[in-house]
Amino acid sequence: MSNMSYCRFQNTLHDLRDCAAALEDLFNSDVEHPLSREELAAAKALVSKCADIVATVSDQQSLDVNETHEWIEFEDRYEKILDEANAEIGEAA
């Protein structure tokens, strides 16, 4: 369901914090089961969209987030990072 424009960011922020906590749990192996294929794909898409948001905001301030080696490496690897963390949970379950 879409958010009303007057509370879009407030509602989404709550959900984004929940997703961030779930990713932290995934990386810390604090979950019992790996993400489903669909949830893993959605997690990857969410991380990609967050990176797009950071790039959009930084562009408005003439900041080039792509200048740093770490950012470029992250963009190239975030899917693999999520795959590996999810696989570790599956092996432990």
N, C-alpha and C. Protein backbone atom coordinates (compact mmCIF):
# COMPACT_ATOMS: atom_id res chain seq x y z
N MET A 1 0.85 -1.17 0.00
CA MET A 1 0.00 0.00 0.00
C MET A 1 0.89 1.23 0.00
N SER A 2 0.54 2.23 -0.77
CA SER A 2 1.35 3.43 -0.84
C SER A 2 1.09 4.32 0.38
N ASN A 3 2.07 5.16 0.64
CA ASN A 3 1.98 6.08 1.76
C ASN A 3 1.35 7.40 1.31
N MET A 4 0.68 8.04 2.22
CA MET A 4 0.17 9.37 1.95
C MET A 4 1.37 10.32 1.90
N SER A 5 1.32 11.29 1.02
CA SER A 5 2.48 12.16 0.80
C SER A 5 2.90 12.92 2.05
N TYR A 6 1.97 13.23 2.94
CA TYR A 6 2.33 14.00 4.13
C TYR A 6 3.04 13.16 5.20
N CYS A 7 3.04 11.83 5.07
CA CYS A 7 3.74 11.00 6.06
C CYS A 7 4.58 9.90 5.40
N ARG A 8 4.85 10.05 4.13
CA ARG A 8 5.60 9.05 3.36
C ARG A 8 6.93 8.72 4.01
N PHE A 9 7.71 9.72 4.33
CA PHE A 9 9.05 9.48 4.88
C PHE A 9 8.98 8.95 6.30
N GLN A 10 8.03 9.42 7.09
CA GLN A 10 7.89 8.93 8.46
C GLN A 10 7.57 7.44 8.47
N ASN A 11 6.62 7.02 7.67
CA ASN A 11 6.23 5.61 7.62
C ASN A 11 7.34 4.74 7.05
N THR A 12 7.97 5.21 6.00
CA THR A 12 9.03 4.44 5.37
C THR A 12 10.25 4.32 6.27
N LEU A 13 10.56 5.38 7.00
CA LEU A 13 11.70 5.34 7.91
C LEU A 13 11.54 4.22 8.94
N HIS A 14 10.35 4.08 9.48
CA HIS A 14 10.09 3.01 10.45
C HIS A 14 10.38 1.64 9.81
N ASP A 15 9.89 1.42 8.61
CA ASP A 15 10.11 0.15 7.92
C ASP A 15 11.58 -0.04 7.55
N LEU A 16 12.24 1.04 7.14
CA LEU A 16 13.65 0.96 6.77
C LEU A 16 14.51 0.60 7.99
N ARG A 17 14.17 1.16 9.13
CA ARG A 17 14.90 0.79 10.36
C ARG A 17 14.73 -0.69 10.68
N ASP A 18 13.53 -1.21 10.46
CA ASP A 18 13.28 -2.63 10.68
C ASP A 18 14.13 -3.47 9.72
N CYS A 19 14.20 -3.06 8.47
CA CYS A 19 15.01 -3.78 7.49
C CYS A 19 16.50 -3.69 7.84
N ALA A 20 16.95 -2.53 8.29
CA ALA A 20 18.35 -2.37 8.69
C ALA A 20 18.68 -3.31 9.84
N ALA A 21 17.78 -3.42 10.80
CA ALA A 21 18.00 -4.32 11.93
C ALA A 21 18.03 -5.78 11.46
N ALA A 22 17.17 -6.12 10.51
CA ALA A 22 17.16 -7.49 9.97
C ALA A 22 18.46 -7.79 9.24
N LEU A 23 19.01 -6.82 8.51
CA LEU A 23 20.30 -7.03 7.85
C LEU A 23 21.42 -7.18 8.87
N GLU A 24 21.38 -6.39 9.92
CA GLU A 24 22.38 -6.54 10.99
C GLU A 24 22.30 -7.93 11.60
N ASP A 25 21.09 -8.40 11.85
CA ASP A 25 20.92 -9.76 12.38
C ASP A 25 21.47 -10.80 11.40
N LEU A 26 21.23 -10.59 10.11
CA LEU A 26 21.72 -11.51 9.09
C LEU A 26 23.25 -11.56 9.11
N PHE A 27 23.88 -10.39 9.17
CA PHE A 27 25.34 -10.34 9.18
C PHE A 27 25.93 -10.90 10.47
N ASN A 28 25.18 -10.81 11.55
CA ASN A 28 25.67 -11.32 12.84
C ASN A 28 25.21 -12.74 13.11
N SER A 29 24.59 -13.37 12.12
CA SER A 29 24.07 -14.75 12.25
C SER A 29 23.10 -14.88 13.41
N ASP A 30 22.31 -13.84 13.64
CA ASP A 30 21.33 -13.85 14.72
C ASP A 30 19.94 -14.23 14.24
N VAL A 31 19.85 -14.95 13.13
CA VAL A 31 18.57 -15.42 12.63
C VAL A 31 18.63 -16.94 12.48
N GLU A 32 17.48 -17.57 12.55
CA GLU A 32 17.45 -19.03 12.49
C GLU A 32 17.41 -19.57 11.08
N HIS A 33 16.84 -18.82 10.13
CA HIS A 33 16.67 -19.31 8.77
C HIS A 33 17.15 -18.25 7.79
N PRO A 34 17.69 -18.70 6.65
CA PRO A 34 18.09 -17.73 5.63
C PRO A 34 16.86 -17.06 5.02
N LEU A 35 17.09 -15.97 4.35
CA LEU A 35 16.01 -15.28 3.65
C LEU A 35 15.55 -16.14 2.48
N SER A 36 14.29 -16.05 2.16
CA SER A 36 13.78 -16.72 0.96
C SER A 36 14.41 -16.06 -0.26
N ARG A 37 14.31 -16.70 -1.39
CA ARG A 37 14.85 -16.15 -2.63
C ARG A 37 14.24 -14.77 -2.90
N GLU A 38 12.93 -14.65 -2.67
CA GLU A 38 12.24 -13.39 -2.93
C GLU A 38 12.69 -12.29 -1.96
N GLU A 39 12.83 -12.66 -0.69
CA GLU A 39 13.27 -11.67 0.30
C GLU A 39 14.72 -11.25 0.06
N LEU A 40 15.57 -12.19 -0.33
CA LEU A 40 16.96 -11.86 -0.64
C LEU A 40 17.02 -10.91 -1.83
N ALA A 41 16.22 -11.17 -2.86
CA ALA A 41 16.17 -10.27 -4.02
C ALA A 41 15.68 -8.88 -3.61
N ALA A 42 14.68 -8.84 -2.73
CA ALA A 42 14.16 -7.55 -2.26
C ALA A 42 15.20 -6.82 -1.42
N ALA A 43 15.96 -7.56 -0.61
CA ALA A 43 17.02 -6.94 0.20
C ALA A 43 18.07 -6.31 -0.70
N LYS A 44 18.44 -7.02 -1.76
CA LYS A 44 19.41 -6.48 -2.71
C LYS A 44 18.87 -5.23 -3.39
N ALA A 45 17.62 -5.26 -3.79
CA ALA A 45 17.01 -4.10 -4.44
C ALA A 45 16.92 -2.92 -3.48
N LEU A 46 16.62 -3.21 -2.22
CA LEU A 46 16.54 -2.15 -1.22
C LEU A 46 17.90 -1.50 -1.01
N VAL A 47 18.96 -2.30 -0.90
CA VAL A 47 20.30 -1.75 -0.73
C VAL A 47 20.68 -0.91 -1.94
N SER A 48 20.36 -1.40 -3.14
CA SER A 48 20.64 -0.65 -4.35
C SER A 48 19.90 0.68 -4.35
N LYS A 49 18.63 0.67 -3.96
CA LYS A 49 17.84 1.90 -3.93
C LYS A 49 18.39 2.88 -2.89
N CYS A 50 18.83 2.36 -1.75
CA CYS A 50 19.44 3.23 -0.73
C CYS A 50 20.70 3.89 -1.28
N ALA A 51 21.50 3.14 -2.04
CA ALA A 51 22.69 3.70 -2.66
C ALA A 51 22.30 4.79 -3.67
N ASP A 52 21.24 4.55 -4.43
CA ASP A 52 20.74 5.56 -5.37
C ASP A 52 20.32 6.82 -4.64
N ILE A 53 19.67 6.65 -3.51
CA ILE A 53 19.21 7.80 -2.72
C ILE A 53 20.41 8.61 -2.24
N VAL A 54 21.43 7.93 -1.73
CA VAL A 54 22.64 8.62 -1.27
C VAL A 54 23.28 9.37 -2.44
N ALA A 55 23.35 8.73 -3.60
CA ALA A 55 23.93 9.40 -4.77
C ALA A 55 23.11 10.62 -5.18
N THR A 56 21.79 10.50 -5.16
CA THR A 56 20.91 11.61 -5.52
C THR A 56 21.11 12.80 -4.58
N VAL A 57 21.15 12.50 -3.29
CA VAL A 57 21.32 13.58 -2.30
C VAL A 57 22.71 14.20 -2.43
N SER A 58 23.73 13.37 -2.60
CA SER A 58 25.09 13.90 -2.69
C SER A 58 25.27 14.74 -3.95
N ASP A 59 24.59 14.36 -5.03
CA ASP A 59 24.67 15.15 -6.26
C ASP A 59 24.15 16.57 -6.04
N GLN A 60 23.17 16.72 -5.18
CA GLN A 60 22.61 18.03 -4.91
C GLN A 60 23.60 18.94 -4.20
N GLN A 61 24.59 18.34 -3.55
CA GLN A 61 25.60 19.12 -2.85
C GLN A 61 26.95 19.07 -3.58
N SER A 62 26.91 18.61 -4.82
CA SER A 62 28.10 18.48 -5.65
C SER A 62 29.16 17.59 -5.00
N LEU A 63 28.71 16.57 -4.29
CA LEU A 63 29.61 15.59 -3.71
C LEU A 63 29.65 14.39 -4.64
N ASP A 64 30.82 13.84 -4.84
CA ASP A 64 30.94 12.66 -5.70
C ASP A 64 31.23 11.45 -4.83
N VAL A 65 30.18 10.74 -4.45
CA VAL A 65 30.36 9.57 -3.59
C VAL A 65 31.10 8.46 -4.32
N ASN A 66 31.19 8.55 -5.64
CA ASN A 66 31.89 7.51 -6.40
C ASN A 66 33.40 7.74 -6.46
N GLU A 67 33.88 8.82 -5.85
CA GLU A 67 35.31 9.07 -5.87
C GLU A 67 36.08 8.09 -4.99
N THR A 68 35.49 7.63 -3.94
CA THR A 68 36.23 6.78 -3.01
C THR A 68 36.22 5.33 -3.46
N HIS A 69 37.34 4.70 -3.29
CA HIS A 69 37.49 3.29 -3.66
C HIS A 69 36.49 2.42 -2.90
N GLU A 70 36.27 2.72 -1.64
CA GLU A 70 35.38 1.91 -0.82
C GLU A 70 33.95 1.95 -1.35
N TRP A 71 33.49 3.10 -1.79
CA TRP A 71 32.11 3.20 -2.28
C TRP A 71 31.96 2.41 -3.57
N ILE A 72 32.92 2.54 -4.47
CA ILE A 72 32.86 1.79 -5.73
C ILE A 72 32.89 0.30 -5.44
N GLU A 73 33.75 -0.11 -4.53
CA GLU A 73 33.83 -1.53 -4.19
C GLU A 73 32.50 -2.02 -3.61
N PHE A 74 31.89 -1.20 -2.76
CA PHE A 74 30.60 -1.57 -2.18
C PHE A 74 29.55 -1.73 -3.27
N GLU A 75 29.48 -0.80 -4.19
CA GLU A 75 28.48 -0.89 -5.25
C GLU A 75 28.67 -2.15 -6.09
N ASP A 76 29.92 -2.53 -6.29
CA ASP A 76 30.20 -3.72 -7.07
C ASP A 76 29.94 -5.00 -6.31
N ARG A 77 29.93 -4.94 -4.99
CA ARG A 77 29.90 -6.15 -4.19
C ARG A 77 28.70 -6.34 -3.30
N TYR A 78 27.80 -5.38 -3.18
CA TYR A 78 26.75 -5.49 -2.17
C TYR A 78 25.89 -6.74 -2.35
N GLU A 79 25.64 -7.14 -3.58
CA GLU A 79 24.83 -8.35 -3.78
C GLU A 79 25.56 -9.58 -3.26
N LYS A 80 26.85 -9.66 -3.53
CA LYS A 80 27.64 -10.80 -3.05
C LYS A 80 27.70 -10.81 -1.53
N ILE A 81 27.83 -9.63 -0.94
CA ILE A 81 27.87 -9.52 0.53
C ILE A 81 26.58 -10.09 1.12
N LEU A 82 25.44 -9.71 0.55
CA LEU A 82 24.15 -10.22 1.04
C LEU A 82 24.00 -11.71 0.78
N ASP A 83 24.43 -12.18 -0.39
CA ASP A 83 24.37 -13.61 -0.70
C ASP A 83 25.17 -14.43 0.32
N GLU A 84 26.38 -13.98 0.61
CA GLU A 84 27.25 -14.73 1.53
C GLU A 84 26.67 -14.76 2.93
N ALA A 85 26.16 -13.64 3.40
CA ALA A 85 25.59 -13.59 4.75
C ALA A 85 24.36 -14.51 4.83
N ASN A 86 23.55 -14.50 3.80
CA ASN A 86 22.35 -15.33 3.78
C ASN A 86 22.71 -16.81 3.71
N ALA A 87 23.73 -17.14 2.94
CA ALA A 87 24.16 -18.53 2.82
C ALA A 87 24.69 -19.07 4.14
N GLU A 88 25.40 -18.23 4.88
CA GLU A 88 25.93 -18.65 6.18
C GLU A 88 24.80 -19.04 7.13
N ILE A 89 23.70 -18.32 7.09
CA ILE A 89 22.55 -18.64 7.93
C ILE A 89 21.97 -19.98 7.51
N GLY A 90 21.89 -20.21 6.21
CA GLY A 90 21.36 -21.47 5.70
C GLY A 90 22.21 -22.65 6.12
N GLU A 91 23.52 -22.49 6.13
CA GLU A 91 24.43 -23.56 6.54
C GLU A 91 24.32 -23.84 8.03
N ALA A 92 24.03 -22.82 8.80
CA ALA A 92 23.95 -22.99 10.26
C ALA A 92 22.61 -23.59 10.69
N ALA A 93 21.57 -23.42 9.84
CA ALA A 93 20.23 -23.89 10.22
C ALA A 93 20.09 -25.38 10.09
